Amino acid sequence: MAVTQIAIYGAGGLARETAWLIQACNHRRRKFEVVCFIEEPDRLHETTLNGIPVMVLDAVREKFPEAKVVSGVGTPAVRQRLMEKAAAAGFSFQTIIHPRAEVSQWVEIGEGTVICAGNIITTNIRIGWHVHINLDCTIGHDVILDDYATLTPGVHVSGCVHVGRAAYIGTGANIVNGTPEKPLVIGEGAIIGAGACVVNSIAAGVTAVGVPAKPK
């Protein structure tokens, strides 16, 4: 089978971790080749990272026109801007799931989503485009993660929760369960602080911290 070329948009720490994740997906057969990192022209300070070239978008399009793009950026708003820029340049996207993630057959996953090692994603879950689920998260039944939502390491999402578009859940946060009739909702663009425990819905655009989580 053909090897899929991958260009990682970003050149920071998360991008390097994403390259490692992609390489880990080749443990049984070589499915992917990371051909480059993509960086914005005004941020292009290195020519290589861990032996992988760093290039601007136009150069990548010229040299690797068949490559699929994966985001290596943690901030949802920046990720959205860069993925829209990649799409406008004609790129399509690759979903990446680490081989040590447990994902049931009853999970719907959108393009460009990245699921890191150690995650447990149970059943009847819908994950949008360009979602990032970092290390060692758990996601319970009947959860929705909208496009560009971000779970940082060690987040636990209980059942019947709806995480809105571009919401950001900080490291080690816990979100208790809603019900089928009344899901617990984290609104679009909301930020949940590290270590918070969310017991009630959080409105769009709000930053909530603490135990229980409350707006700042």
N, C-alpha and C. Protein backbone atom coordinates (compact mmCIF):
# COMPACT_ATOMS: atom_id res chain seq x y z
N MET A 1 0.83 -1.20 0.00
CA MET A 1 0.00 0.00 0.00
C MET A 1 0.87 1.25 0.00
N ALA A 2 0.35 2.32 -0.61
CA ALA A 2 1.10 3.57 -0.70
C ALA A 2 1.25 4.21 0.67
N VAL A 3 2.37 4.86 0.87
CA VAL A 3 2.64 5.61 2.10
C VAL A 3 2.09 7.02 1.93
N THR A 4 1.32 7.49 2.93
CA THR A 4 0.75 8.84 2.89
C THR A 4 1.74 9.84 3.43
N GLN A 5 2.04 10.85 2.63
CA GLN A 5 2.90 11.94 3.09
C GLN A 5 2.13 12.87 4.00
N ILE A 6 2.74 13.26 5.11
CA ILE A 6 2.10 14.14 6.09
C ILE A 6 2.94 15.40 6.27
N ALA A 7 2.29 16.55 6.17
CA ALA A 7 2.90 17.84 6.52
C ALA A 7 2.23 18.34 7.79
N ILE A 8 3.01 18.60 8.82
CA ILE A 8 2.48 19.04 10.11
C ILE A 8 2.52 20.56 10.15
N TYR A 9 1.35 21.17 10.33
CA TYR A 9 1.29 22.64 10.38
C TYR A 9 1.62 23.09 11.80
N GLY A 10 2.76 23.77 11.94
CA GLY A 10 3.28 24.18 13.23
C GLY A 10 4.70 23.68 13.38
N ALA A 11 5.46 24.32 14.25
CA ALA A 11 6.84 23.90 14.44
C ALA A 11 7.27 24.08 15.90
N GLY A 12 6.32 23.97 16.81
CA GLY A 12 6.61 24.06 18.23
C GLY A 12 6.65 22.69 18.88
N GLY A 13 6.53 22.68 20.21
CA GLY A 13 6.61 21.43 20.94
C GLY A 13 5.52 20.45 20.58
N LEU A 14 4.28 20.92 20.44
CA LEU A 14 3.19 20.01 20.09
C LEU A 14 3.38 19.43 18.69
N ALA A 15 3.92 20.24 17.78
CA ALA A 15 4.19 19.73 16.44
C ALA A 15 5.21 18.59 16.47
N ARG A 16 6.25 18.75 17.29
CA ARG A 16 7.24 17.68 17.41
C ARG A 16 6.64 16.43 18.03
N GLU A 17 5.76 16.62 19.02
CA GLU A 17 5.06 15.46 19.61
C GLU A 17 4.15 14.80 18.58
N THR A 18 3.53 15.60 17.73
CA THR A 18 2.66 15.04 16.70
C THR A 18 3.47 14.21 15.69
N ALA A 19 4.67 14.68 15.36
CA ALA A 19 5.53 13.90 14.47
C ALA A 19 5.87 12.54 15.09
N TRP A 20 6.17 12.55 16.38
CA TRP A 20 6.43 11.27 17.07
C TRP A 20 5.20 10.38 17.05
N LEU A 21 4.03 10.95 17.28
CA LEU A 21 2.78 10.19 17.26
C LEU A 21 2.59 9.53 15.89
N ILE A 22 2.80 10.31 14.83
CA ILE A 22 2.62 9.77 13.49
C ILE A 22 3.60 8.64 13.21
N GLN A 23 4.84 8.82 13.63
CA GLN A 23 5.82 7.76 13.44
C GLN A 23 5.44 6.51 14.21
N ALA A 24 4.81 6.67 15.38
CA ALA A 24 4.38 5.52 16.17
C ALA A 24 3.29 4.74 15.46
N CYS A 25 2.56 5.38 14.57
CA CYS A 25 1.51 4.69 13.82
C CYS A 25 2.08 3.71 12.79
N ASN A 26 3.38 3.76 12.57
CA ASN A 26 4.04 2.86 11.61
C ASN A 26 4.56 1.59 12.26
N HIS A 27 4.08 1.27 13.47
CA HIS A 27 4.70 0.17 14.22
C HIS A 27 4.49 -1.20 13.56
N ARG A 28 3.41 -1.36 12.81
CA ARG A 28 3.16 -2.64 12.14
C ARG A 28 3.47 -2.58 10.65
N ARG A 29 3.14 -1.50 10.03
CA ARG A 29 3.52 -1.28 8.64
C ARG A 29 3.68 0.21 8.43
N ARG A 30 4.46 0.58 7.45
CA ARG A 30 4.75 1.99 7.19
C ARG A 30 3.57 2.62 6.44
N LYS A 31 2.77 3.38 7.18
CA LYS A 31 1.59 4.02 6.59
C LYS A 31 1.83 5.48 6.27
N PHE A 32 2.65 6.15 7.08
CA PHE A 32 2.82 7.60 6.98
C PHE A 32 4.31 7.96 6.90
N GLU A 33 4.57 9.05 6.21
CA GLU A 33 5.89 9.67 6.21
C GLU A 33 5.72 11.15 6.50
N VAL A 34 6.32 11.62 7.59
CA VAL A 34 6.30 13.05 7.90
C VAL A 34 7.34 13.72 7.01
N VAL A 35 6.88 14.51 6.04
CA VAL A 35 7.81 15.10 5.07
C VAL A 35 8.28 16.48 5.49
N CYS A 36 7.52 17.17 6.36
CA CYS A 36 7.95 18.51 6.77
C CYS A 36 7.04 19.03 7.87
N PHE A 37 7.53 20.07 8.54
CA PHE A 37 6.72 20.97 9.34
C PHE A 37 6.44 22.21 8.50
N ILE A 38 5.27 22.81 8.69
CA ILE A 38 4.93 24.06 8.02
C ILE A 38 4.97 25.18 9.05
N GLU A 39 5.64 26.26 8.71
CA GLU A 39 5.71 27.41 9.61
C GLU A 39 5.38 28.68 8.84
N GLU A 40 4.85 29.66 9.54
CA GLU A 40 4.56 30.95 8.93
C GLU A 40 5.87 31.66 8.61
N PRO A 41 5.92 32.43 7.52
CA PRO A 41 7.18 33.06 7.10
C PRO A 41 7.84 33.91 8.19
N ASP A 42 7.04 34.64 8.98
CA ASP A 42 7.63 35.50 10.00
C ASP A 42 8.08 34.75 11.24
N ARG A 43 7.82 33.45 11.29
CA ARG A 43 8.22 32.62 12.43
C ARG A 43 9.23 31.54 12.03
N LEU A 44 9.68 31.59 10.79
CA LEU A 44 10.56 30.54 10.28
C LEU A 44 12.00 30.82 10.73
N HIS A 45 12.39 30.20 11.84
CA HIS A 45 13.72 30.42 12.41
C HIS A 45 14.64 29.20 12.25
N GLU A 46 14.06 28.03 12.05
CA GLU A 46 14.84 26.80 11.91
C GLU A 46 14.58 26.20 10.53
N THR A 47 15.59 25.53 9.98
CA THR A 47 15.41 24.86 8.70
C THR A 47 15.06 23.39 8.87
N THR A 48 15.39 22.83 10.03
CA THR A 48 15.00 21.45 10.35
C THR A 48 14.65 21.35 11.82
N LEU A 49 13.80 20.40 12.16
CA LEU A 49 13.49 20.04 13.55
C LEU A 49 13.52 18.52 13.64
N ASN A 50 14.37 18.01 14.51
CA ASN A 50 14.52 16.56 14.66
C ASN A 50 14.73 15.87 13.31
N GLY A 51 15.49 16.54 12.45
CA GLY A 51 15.83 15.97 11.16
C GLY A 51 14.76 16.12 10.08
N ILE A 52 13.67 16.83 10.39
CA ILE A 52 12.57 17.01 9.45
C ILE A 52 12.59 18.45 8.96
N PRO A 53 12.49 18.69 7.65
CA PRO A 53 12.54 20.06 7.14
C PRO A 53 11.40 20.93 7.66
N VAL A 54 11.68 22.22 7.83
CA VAL A 54 10.67 23.23 8.17
C VAL A 54 10.53 24.14 6.96
N MET A 55 9.29 24.30 6.47
CA MET A 55 9.06 25.01 5.22
C MET A 55 7.84 25.91 5.35
N VAL A 56 7.76 26.90 4.46
CA VAL A 56 6.55 27.72 4.39
C VAL A 56 5.51 27.02 3.52
N LEU A 57 4.26 27.44 3.65
CA LEU A 57 3.14 26.73 3.03
C LEU A 57 3.29 26.64 1.51
N ASP A 58 3.63 27.73 0.85
CA ASP A 58 3.72 27.71 -0.62
C ASP A 58 4.78 26.73 -1.10
N ALA A 59 5.90 26.66 -0.39
CA ALA A 59 6.95 25.73 -0.77
C ALA A 59 6.51 24.29 -0.58
N VAL A 60 5.74 24.03 0.47
CA VAL A 60 5.23 22.68 0.71
C VAL A 60 4.26 22.28 -0.41
N ARG A 61 3.41 23.21 -0.79
CA ARG A 61 2.44 22.91 -1.86
C ARG A 61 3.15 22.58 -3.16
N GLU A 62 4.27 23.25 -3.41
CA GLU A 62 5.02 23.00 -4.64
C GLU A 62 5.77 21.67 -4.59
N LYS A 63 6.40 21.38 -3.43
CA LYS A 63 7.24 20.19 -3.34
C LYS A 63 6.46 18.93 -2.99
N PHE A 64 5.41 19.07 -2.16
CA PHE A 64 4.66 17.90 -1.71
C PHE A 64 3.16 18.10 -1.99
N PRO A 65 2.75 18.19 -3.25
CA PRO A 65 1.35 18.52 -3.57
C PRO A 65 0.36 17.46 -3.12
N GLU A 66 0.82 16.22 -2.91
CA GLU A 66 -0.08 15.14 -2.50
C GLU A 66 -0.13 14.94 -0.99
N ALA A 67 0.65 15.72 -0.25
CA ALA A 67 0.69 15.53 1.21
C ALA A 67 -0.64 15.88 1.84
N LYS A 68 -0.95 15.19 2.94
CA LYS A 68 -2.08 15.53 3.79
C LYS A 68 -1.55 16.36 4.96
N VAL A 69 -2.35 17.29 5.42
CA VAL A 69 -1.95 18.19 6.50
C VAL A 69 -2.57 17.73 7.82
N VAL A 70 -1.78 17.83 8.88
CA VAL A 70 -2.22 17.58 10.25
C VAL A 70 -1.78 18.79 11.08
N SER A 71 -2.63 19.24 11.99
CA SER A 71 -2.26 20.37 12.83
C SER A 71 -1.34 19.94 13.97
N GLY A 72 -0.34 20.77 14.22
CA GLY A 72 0.51 20.60 15.39
C GLY A 72 0.45 21.81 16.29
N VAL A 73 -0.74 22.43 16.36
CA VAL A 73 -0.94 23.67 17.13
C VAL A 73 -2.02 23.43 18.17
N GLY A 74 -1.76 23.82 19.42
CA GLY A 74 -2.69 23.54 20.50
C GLY A 74 -3.80 24.54 20.68
N THR A 75 -3.59 25.80 20.33
CA THR A 75 -4.58 26.84 20.56
C THR A 75 -5.69 26.74 19.51
N PRO A 76 -6.95 26.55 19.90
CA PRO A 76 -8.00 26.29 18.91
C PRO A 76 -8.15 27.37 17.85
N ALA A 77 -8.13 28.65 18.25
CA ALA A 77 -8.34 29.71 17.27
C ALA A 77 -7.22 29.74 16.23
N VAL A 78 -5.98 29.53 16.69
CA VAL A 78 -4.85 29.51 15.76
C VAL A 78 -4.95 28.28 14.86
N ARG A 79 -5.30 27.14 15.45
CA ARG A 79 -5.46 25.92 14.66
C ARG A 79 -6.50 26.12 13.56
N GLN A 80 -7.62 26.73 13.90
CA GLN A 80 -8.65 26.95 12.90
C GLN A 80 -8.13 27.84 11.76
N ARG A 81 -7.45 28.91 12.12
CA ARG A 81 -6.94 29.82 11.08
C ARG A 81 -5.97 29.10 10.16
N LEU A 82 -5.08 28.28 10.71
CA LEU A 82 -4.08 27.61 9.90
C LEU A 82 -4.69 26.50 9.06
N MET A 83 -5.68 25.78 9.60
CA MET A 83 -6.32 24.73 8.81
C MET A 83 -7.14 25.32 7.67
N GLU A 84 -7.76 26.46 7.90
CA GLU A 84 -8.47 27.13 6.82
C GLU A 84 -7.50 27.62 5.75
N LYS A 85 -6.33 28.08 6.18
CA LYS A 85 -5.30 28.51 5.24
C LYS A 85 -4.80 27.32 4.41
N ALA A 86 -4.59 26.19 5.05
CA ALA A 86 -4.16 24.99 4.33
C ALA A 86 -5.21 24.53 3.33
N ALA A 87 -6.49 24.56 3.74
CA ALA A 87 -7.56 24.17 2.83
C ALA A 87 -7.62 25.09 1.63
N ALA A 88 -7.45 26.40 1.87
CA ALA A 88 -7.48 27.36 0.77
C ALA A 88 -6.33 27.13 -0.20
N ALA A 89 -5.21 26.58 0.29
CA ALA A 89 -4.06 26.28 -0.56
C ALA A 89 -4.24 24.97 -1.32
N GLY A 90 -5.33 24.25 -1.04
CA GLY A 90 -5.63 23.03 -1.78
C GLY A 90 -5.30 21.74 -1.06
N PHE A 91 -4.90 21.81 0.20
CA PHE A 91 -4.56 20.60 0.93
C PHE A 91 -5.81 19.94 1.51
N SER A 92 -5.76 18.63 1.66
CA SER A 92 -6.74 17.90 2.45
C SER A 92 -6.05 17.44 3.73
N PHE A 93 -6.78 16.72 4.58
CA PHE A 93 -6.33 16.48 5.95
C PHE A 93 -6.34 14.99 6.29
N GLN A 94 -5.51 14.65 7.25
CA GLN A 94 -5.39 13.27 7.70
C GLN A 94 -5.76 13.17 9.18
N THR A 95 -6.59 12.21 9.52
CA THR A 95 -6.88 11.89 10.92
C THR A 95 -5.79 10.95 11.44
N ILE A 96 -5.30 11.23 12.64
CA ILE A 96 -4.22 10.44 13.23
C ILE A 96 -4.67 9.91 14.59
N ILE A 97 -4.58 8.60 14.78
CA ILE A 97 -4.96 7.96 16.04
C ILE A 97 -3.80 7.07 16.49
N HIS A 98 -3.26 7.37 17.65
CA HIS A 98 -2.14 6.59 18.15
C HIS A 98 -2.57 5.13 18.37
N PRO A 99 -1.69 4.17 18.09
CA PRO A 99 -2.07 2.77 18.26
C PRO A 99 -2.38 2.37 19.70
N ARG A 100 -1.95 3.17 20.67
CA ARG A 100 -2.30 2.87 22.06
C ARG A 100 -3.53 3.63 22.54
N ALA A 101 -4.30 4.18 21.64
CA ALA A 101 -5.61 4.74 22.00
C ALA A 101 -6.66 3.65 21.82
N GLU A 102 -7.59 3.58 22.77
CA GLU A 102 -8.70 2.64 22.67
C GLU A 102 -9.94 3.40 22.20
N VAL A 103 -10.41 3.06 21.02
CA VAL A 103 -11.53 3.77 20.40
C VAL A 103 -12.52 2.73 19.90
N SER A 104 -13.75 2.79 20.39
CA SER A 104 -14.72 1.79 19.98
C SER A 104 -15.19 2.03 18.55
N GLN A 105 -15.88 1.04 18.00
CA GLN A 105 -16.40 1.14 16.64
C GLN A 105 -17.57 2.12 16.55
N TRP A 106 -18.09 2.57 17.69
CA TRP A 106 -19.26 3.46 17.70
C TRP A 106 -18.83 4.90 17.96
N VAL A 107 -17.71 5.28 17.36
CA VAL A 107 -17.20 6.64 17.48
C VAL A 107 -17.05 7.21 16.09
N GLU A 108 -17.60 8.39 15.87
CA GLU A 108 -17.48 9.10 14.59
C GLU A 108 -16.41 10.17 14.74
N ILE A 109 -15.43 10.16 13.84
CA ILE A 109 -14.27 11.05 13.96
C ILE A 109 -14.10 11.84 12.67
N GLY A 110 -14.03 13.16 12.78
CA GLY A 110 -13.88 14.03 11.63
C GLY A 110 -12.44 14.10 11.13
N GLU A 111 -12.27 14.65 9.94
CA GLU A 111 -10.96 14.76 9.32
C GLU A 111 -10.04 15.70 10.11
N GLY A 112 -8.76 15.36 10.09
CA GLY A 112 -7.76 16.21 10.71
C GLY A 112 -7.66 16.11 12.22
N THR A 113 -8.48 15.26 12.82
CA THR A 113 -8.44 15.10 14.28
C THR A 113 -7.22 14.29 14.69
N VAL A 114 -6.65 14.63 15.83
CA VAL A 114 -5.47 13.96 16.37
C VAL A 114 -5.82 13.38 17.74
N ILE A 115 -5.61 12.08 17.89
CA ILE A 115 -5.90 11.39 19.15
C ILE A 115 -4.59 10.74 19.61
N CYS A 116 -4.10 11.20 20.75
CA CYS A 116 -2.77 10.80 21.23
C CYS A 116 -2.82 9.49 22.01
N ALA A 117 -1.66 9.06 22.50
CA ALA A 117 -1.53 7.79 23.21
C ALA A 117 -2.28 7.82 24.54
N GLY A 118 -2.80 6.66 24.93
CA GLY A 118 -3.38 6.47 26.25
C GLY A 118 -4.82 6.89 26.39
N ASN A 119 -5.47 7.32 25.31
CA ASN A 119 -6.86 7.75 25.42
C ASN A 119 -7.81 6.56 25.39
N ILE A 120 -8.93 6.70 26.11
CA ILE A 120 -10.01 5.72 26.08
C ILE A 120 -11.27 6.46 25.66
N ILE A 121 -11.80 6.09 24.51
CA ILE A 121 -12.95 6.78 23.92
C ILE A 121 -14.02 5.71 23.71
N THR A 122 -15.11 5.80 24.45
CA THR A 122 -15.99 4.65 24.63
C THR A 122 -17.02 4.48 23.49
N THR A 123 -18.24 4.98 23.64
CA THR A 123 -19.27 4.58 22.70
C THR A 123 -20.26 5.70 22.40
N ASN A 124 -20.76 5.68 21.16
CA ASN A 124 -21.76 6.67 20.70
C ASN A 124 -21.27 8.10 20.94
N ILE A 125 -20.09 8.35 20.40
CA ILE A 125 -19.39 9.63 20.55
C ILE A 125 -19.19 10.24 19.17
N ARG A 126 -19.38 11.55 19.08
CA ARG A 126 -19.16 12.25 17.81
C ARG A 126 -18.06 13.29 18.01
N ILE A 127 -17.00 13.16 17.23
CA ILE A 127 -15.84 14.04 17.30
C ILE A 127 -15.72 14.77 15.97
N GLY A 128 -15.63 16.09 16.01
CA GLY A 128 -15.62 16.88 14.80
C GLY A 128 -14.28 16.93 14.09
N TRP A 129 -14.13 17.92 13.23
CA TRP A 129 -12.90 18.12 12.46
C TRP A 129 -11.86 18.86 13.31
N HIS A 130 -10.61 18.46 13.13
CA HIS A 130 -9.46 19.15 13.73
C HIS A 130 -9.57 19.25 15.25
N VAL A 131 -10.18 18.27 15.86
CA VAL A 131 -10.18 18.17 17.32
C VAL A 131 -8.82 17.63 17.75
N HIS A 132 -8.34 18.07 18.90
CA HIS A 132 -7.09 17.54 19.44
C HIS A 132 -7.35 16.96 20.82
N ILE A 133 -7.06 15.66 20.97
CA ILE A 133 -7.23 14.96 22.24
C ILE A 133 -5.84 14.49 22.67
N ASN A 134 -5.28 15.17 23.66
CA ASN A 134 -3.91 14.93 24.07
C ASN A 134 -3.82 13.67 24.93
N LEU A 135 -2.68 13.44 25.55
CA LEU A 135 -2.37 12.18 26.23
C LEU A 135 -3.34 11.86 27.37
N ASP A 136 -3.71 10.57 27.47
CA ASP A 136 -4.34 9.99 28.67
C ASP A 136 -5.65 10.66 29.06
N CYS A 137 -6.51 10.90 28.09
CA CYS A 137 -7.86 11.39 28.38
C CYS A 137 -8.85 10.23 28.33
N THR A 138 -10.00 10.41 29.00
CA THR A 138 -11.09 9.46 28.87
C THR A 138 -12.35 10.22 28.46
N ILE A 139 -13.12 9.61 27.58
CA ILE A 139 -14.34 10.23 27.07
C ILE A 139 -15.47 9.20 27.16
N GLY A 140 -16.50 9.55 27.91
CA GLY A 140 -17.60 8.64 28.15
C GLY A 140 -18.64 8.64 27.03
N HIS A 141 -19.68 7.86 27.24
CA HIS A 141 -20.72 7.66 26.24
C HIS A 141 -21.48 8.95 25.91
N ASP A 142 -21.96 9.01 24.68
CA ASP A 142 -22.85 10.09 24.24
C ASP A 142 -22.25 11.48 24.40
N VAL A 143 -20.98 11.59 24.11
CA VAL A 143 -20.27 12.88 24.15
C VAL A 143 -20.15 13.42 22.73
N ILE A 144 -20.25 14.73 22.60
CA ILE A 144 -20.00 15.43 21.34
C ILE A 144 -18.83 16.39 21.57
N LEU A 145 -17.82 16.30 20.72
CA LEU A 145 -16.72 17.27 20.69
C LEU A 145 -16.80 17.98 19.35
N ASP A 146 -17.18 19.23 19.35
CA ASP A 146 -17.32 19.97 18.10
C ASP A 146 -15.96 20.32 17.50
N ASP A 147 -15.97 20.79 16.25
CA ASP A 147 -14.75 21.12 15.52
C ASP A 147 -13.82 22.00 16.36
N TYR A 148 -12.53 21.68 16.30
CA TYR A 148 -11.45 22.45 16.92
C TYR A 148 -11.45 22.39 18.45
N ALA A 149 -12.32 21.59 19.05
CA ALA A 149 -12.26 21.42 20.50
C ALA A 149 -10.91 20.81 20.88
N THR A 150 -10.43 21.13 22.09
CA THR A 150 -9.12 20.67 22.54
C THR A 150 -9.21 20.12 23.95
N LEU A 151 -8.77 18.88 24.12
CA LEU A 151 -8.59 18.30 25.45
C LEU A 151 -7.10 18.16 25.67
N THR A 152 -6.57 18.82 26.68
CA THR A 152 -5.15 18.71 27.01
C THR A 152 -4.93 17.48 27.88
N PRO A 153 -3.69 17.14 28.28
CA PRO A 153 -3.45 15.85 28.92
C PRO A 153 -4.28 15.62 30.18
N GLY A 154 -4.74 14.36 30.31
CA GLY A 154 -5.38 13.92 31.53
C GLY A 154 -6.77 14.46 31.78
N VAL A 155 -7.49 14.87 30.74
CA VAL A 155 -8.86 15.36 30.91
C VAL A 155 -9.81 14.17 30.93
N HIS A 156 -10.82 14.24 31.80
CA HIS A 156 -11.82 13.18 31.89
C HIS A 156 -13.21 13.79 31.64
N VAL A 157 -13.85 13.30 30.59
CA VAL A 157 -15.17 13.79 30.19
C VAL A 157 -16.17 12.66 30.42
N SER A 158 -17.11 12.88 31.32
CA SER A 158 -18.11 11.86 31.59
C SER A 158 -19.19 11.87 30.51
N GLY A 159 -20.17 10.96 30.65
CA GLY A 159 -21.17 10.78 29.61
C GLY A 159 -22.12 11.96 29.47
N CYS A 160 -22.71 12.07 28.27
CA CYS A 160 -23.73 13.08 27.96
C CYS A 160 -23.21 14.50 28.18
N VAL A 161 -22.05 14.77 27.57
CA VAL A 161 -21.43 16.09 27.61
C VAL A 161 -21.26 16.58 26.18
N HIS A 162 -21.49 17.87 25.98
CA HIS A 162 -21.30 18.49 24.66
C HIS A 162 -20.25 19.59 24.81
N VAL A 163 -19.08 19.37 24.21
CA VAL A 163 -18.00 20.34 24.23
C VAL A 163 -18.06 21.14 22.93
N GLY A 164 -18.27 22.44 23.05
CA GLY A 164 -18.52 23.28 21.88
C GLY A 164 -17.30 23.53 21.02
N ARG A 165 -17.55 24.09 19.87
CA ARG A 165 -16.52 24.41 18.89
C ARG A 165 -15.42 25.28 19.53
N ALA A 166 -14.17 24.85 19.33
CA ALA A 166 -12.99 25.59 19.76
C ALA A 166 -12.91 25.79 21.27
N ALA A 167 -13.65 25.01 22.05
CA ALA A 167 -13.48 25.05 23.50
C ALA A 167 -12.15 24.40 23.87
N TYR A 168 -11.58 24.85 24.98
CA TYR A 168 -10.26 24.40 25.41
C TYR A 168 -10.36 23.91 26.85
N ILE A 169 -10.03 22.64 27.07
CA ILE A 169 -10.15 22.03 28.40
C ILE A 169 -8.74 21.80 28.94
N GLY A 170 -8.41 22.45 30.07
CA GLY A 170 -7.06 22.43 30.60
C GLY A 170 -6.66 21.10 31.22
N THR A 171 -5.37 20.95 31.43
CA THR A 171 -4.78 19.70 31.90
C THR A 171 -5.43 19.24 33.21
N GLY A 172 -5.81 17.96 33.22
CA GLY A 172 -6.33 17.35 34.43
C GLY A 172 -7.73 17.78 34.82
N ALA A 173 -8.43 18.48 33.97
CA ALA A 173 -9.81 18.89 34.29
C ALA A 173 -10.75 17.69 34.22
N ASN A 174 -11.81 17.76 35.02
CA ASN A 174 -12.84 16.73 35.02
C ASN A 174 -14.20 17.37 34.71
N ILE A 175 -14.95 16.73 33.84
CA ILE A 175 -16.28 17.21 33.49
C ILE A 175 -17.28 16.12 33.86
N VAL A 176 -18.18 16.42 34.81
CA VAL A 176 -19.12 15.40 35.26
C VAL A 176 -20.20 15.20 34.21
N ASN A 177 -20.97 14.14 34.39
CA ASN A 177 -21.93 13.75 33.36
C ASN A 177 -23.17 14.63 33.36
N GLY A 178 -23.74 14.78 32.17
CA GLY A 178 -25.09 15.29 32.03
C GLY A 178 -26.06 14.12 31.93
N THR A 179 -27.19 14.36 31.31
CA THR A 179 -28.18 13.32 31.07
C THR A 179 -28.60 13.37 29.61
N PRO A 180 -29.20 12.30 29.07
CA PRO A 180 -29.67 12.37 27.68
C PRO A 180 -30.63 13.52 27.44
N GLU A 181 -31.45 13.83 28.44
CA GLU A 181 -32.42 14.92 28.31
C GLU A 181 -31.77 16.29 28.48
N LYS A 182 -30.72 16.36 29.27
CA LYS A 182 -30.07 17.64 29.55
C LYS A 182 -28.55 17.42 29.62
N PRO A 183 -27.90 17.38 28.46
CA PRO A 183 -26.42 17.23 28.48
C PRO A 183 -25.76 18.42 29.18
N LEU A 184 -24.62 18.15 29.79
CA LEU A 184 -23.80 19.25 30.30
C LEU A 184 -23.06 19.85 29.10
N VAL A 185 -23.11 21.18 28.98
CA VAL A 185 -22.59 21.85 27.80
C VAL A 185 -21.43 22.77 28.18
N ILE A 186 -20.31 22.60 27.47
CA ILE A 186 -19.20 23.56 27.51
C ILE A 186 -19.33 24.40 26.25
N GLY A 187 -19.63 25.67 26.37
CA GLY A 187 -19.97 26.49 25.23
C GLY A 187 -18.82 26.74 24.28
N GLU A 188 -19.17 27.20 23.08
CA GLU A 188 -18.18 27.50 22.05
C GLU A 188 -17.12 28.48 22.57
N GLY A 189 -15.86 28.13 22.37
CA GLY A 189 -14.76 29.01 22.75
C GLY A 189 -14.52 29.14 24.24
N ALA A 190 -15.23 28.37 25.07
CA ALA A 190 -15.00 28.42 26.51
C ALA A 190 -13.63 27.83 26.85
N ILE A 191 -13.08 28.25 27.98
CA ILE A 191 -11.81 27.73 28.47
C ILE A 191 -12.03 27.20 29.88
N ILE A 192 -11.64 25.96 30.09
CA ILE A 192 -11.72 25.34 31.41
C ILE A 192 -10.31 25.21 31.96
N GLY A 193 -10.07 25.80 33.12
CA GLY A 193 -8.72 25.82 33.69
C GLY A 193 -8.22 24.45 34.10
N ALA A 194 -6.90 24.34 34.19
CA ALA A 194 -6.26 23.09 34.60
C ALA A 194 -6.77 22.67 35.99
N GLY A 195 -7.08 21.39 36.13
CA GLY A 195 -7.50 20.85 37.40
C GLY A 195 -8.91 21.19 37.82
N ALA A 196 -9.67 21.88 36.99
CA ALA A 196 -11.04 22.26 37.35
C ALA A 196 -11.95 21.05 37.34
N CYS A 197 -13.05 21.17 38.07
CA CYS A 197 -14.10 20.15 38.04
C CYS A 197 -15.40 20.84 37.62
N VAL A 198 -15.87 20.51 36.43
CA VAL A 198 -17.06 21.16 35.87
C VAL A 198 -18.28 20.34 36.26
N VAL A 199 -19.19 20.97 37.00
CA VAL A 199 -20.39 20.27 37.46
C VAL A 199 -21.66 20.87 36.85
N ASN A 200 -21.53 22.03 36.22
CA ASN A 200 -22.66 22.67 35.55
C ASN A 200 -22.20 23.18 34.19
N SER A 201 -23.14 23.43 33.30
CA SER A 201 -22.81 23.95 31.98
C SER A 201 -22.08 25.29 32.09
N ILE A 202 -21.18 25.51 31.12
CA ILE A 202 -20.39 26.75 31.05
C ILE A 202 -20.74 27.46 29.75
N ALA A 203 -21.04 28.74 29.83
CA ALA A 203 -21.50 29.49 28.66
C ALA A 203 -20.37 29.69 27.66
N ALA A 204 -20.75 29.98 26.43
CA ALA A 204 -19.79 30.24 25.36
C ALA A 204 -18.86 31.40 25.73
N GLY A 205 -17.58 31.23 25.44
CA GLY A 205 -16.61 32.29 25.63
C GLY A 205 -16.16 32.55 27.05
N VAL A 206 -16.66 31.78 27.99
CA VAL A 206 -16.35 31.99 29.41
C VAL A 206 -15.12 31.19 29.80
N THR A 207 -14.29 31.75 30.67
CA THR A 207 -13.20 31.02 31.31
C THR A 207 -13.65 30.62 32.70
N ALA A 208 -13.59 29.32 33.00
CA ALA A 208 -14.03 28.80 34.29
C ALA A 208 -12.90 28.04 34.95
N VAL A 209 -12.72 28.25 36.25
CA VAL A 209 -11.63 27.60 36.98
C VAL A 209 -12.15 27.12 38.33
N GLY A 210 -11.37 26.22 38.94
CA GLY A 210 -11.65 25.82 40.32
C GLY A 210 -12.49 24.57 40.46
N VAL A 211 -12.76 24.24 41.75
CA VAL A 211 -13.55 23.05 42.09
C VAL A 211 -14.61 23.47 43.10
N PRO A 212 -15.87 23.55 42.67
CA PRO A 212 -16.36 23.34 41.31
C PRO A 212 -15.98 24.54 40.41
N ALA A 213 -15.95 24.30 39.11
CA ALA A 213 -15.54 25.34 38.17
C ALA A 213 -16.56 26.48 38.14
N LYS A 214 -16.04 27.70 38.24
CA LYS A 214 -16.88 28.89 38.17
C LYS A 214 -16.21 29.92 37.26
N PRO A 215 -16.99 30.79 36.62
CA PRO A 215 -16.39 31.81 35.77
C PRO A 215 -15.43 32.70 36.54
N LYS A 216 -14.32 33.07 35.89
CA LYS A 216 -13.34 33.97 36.52
C LYS A 216 -13.92 35.38 36.60
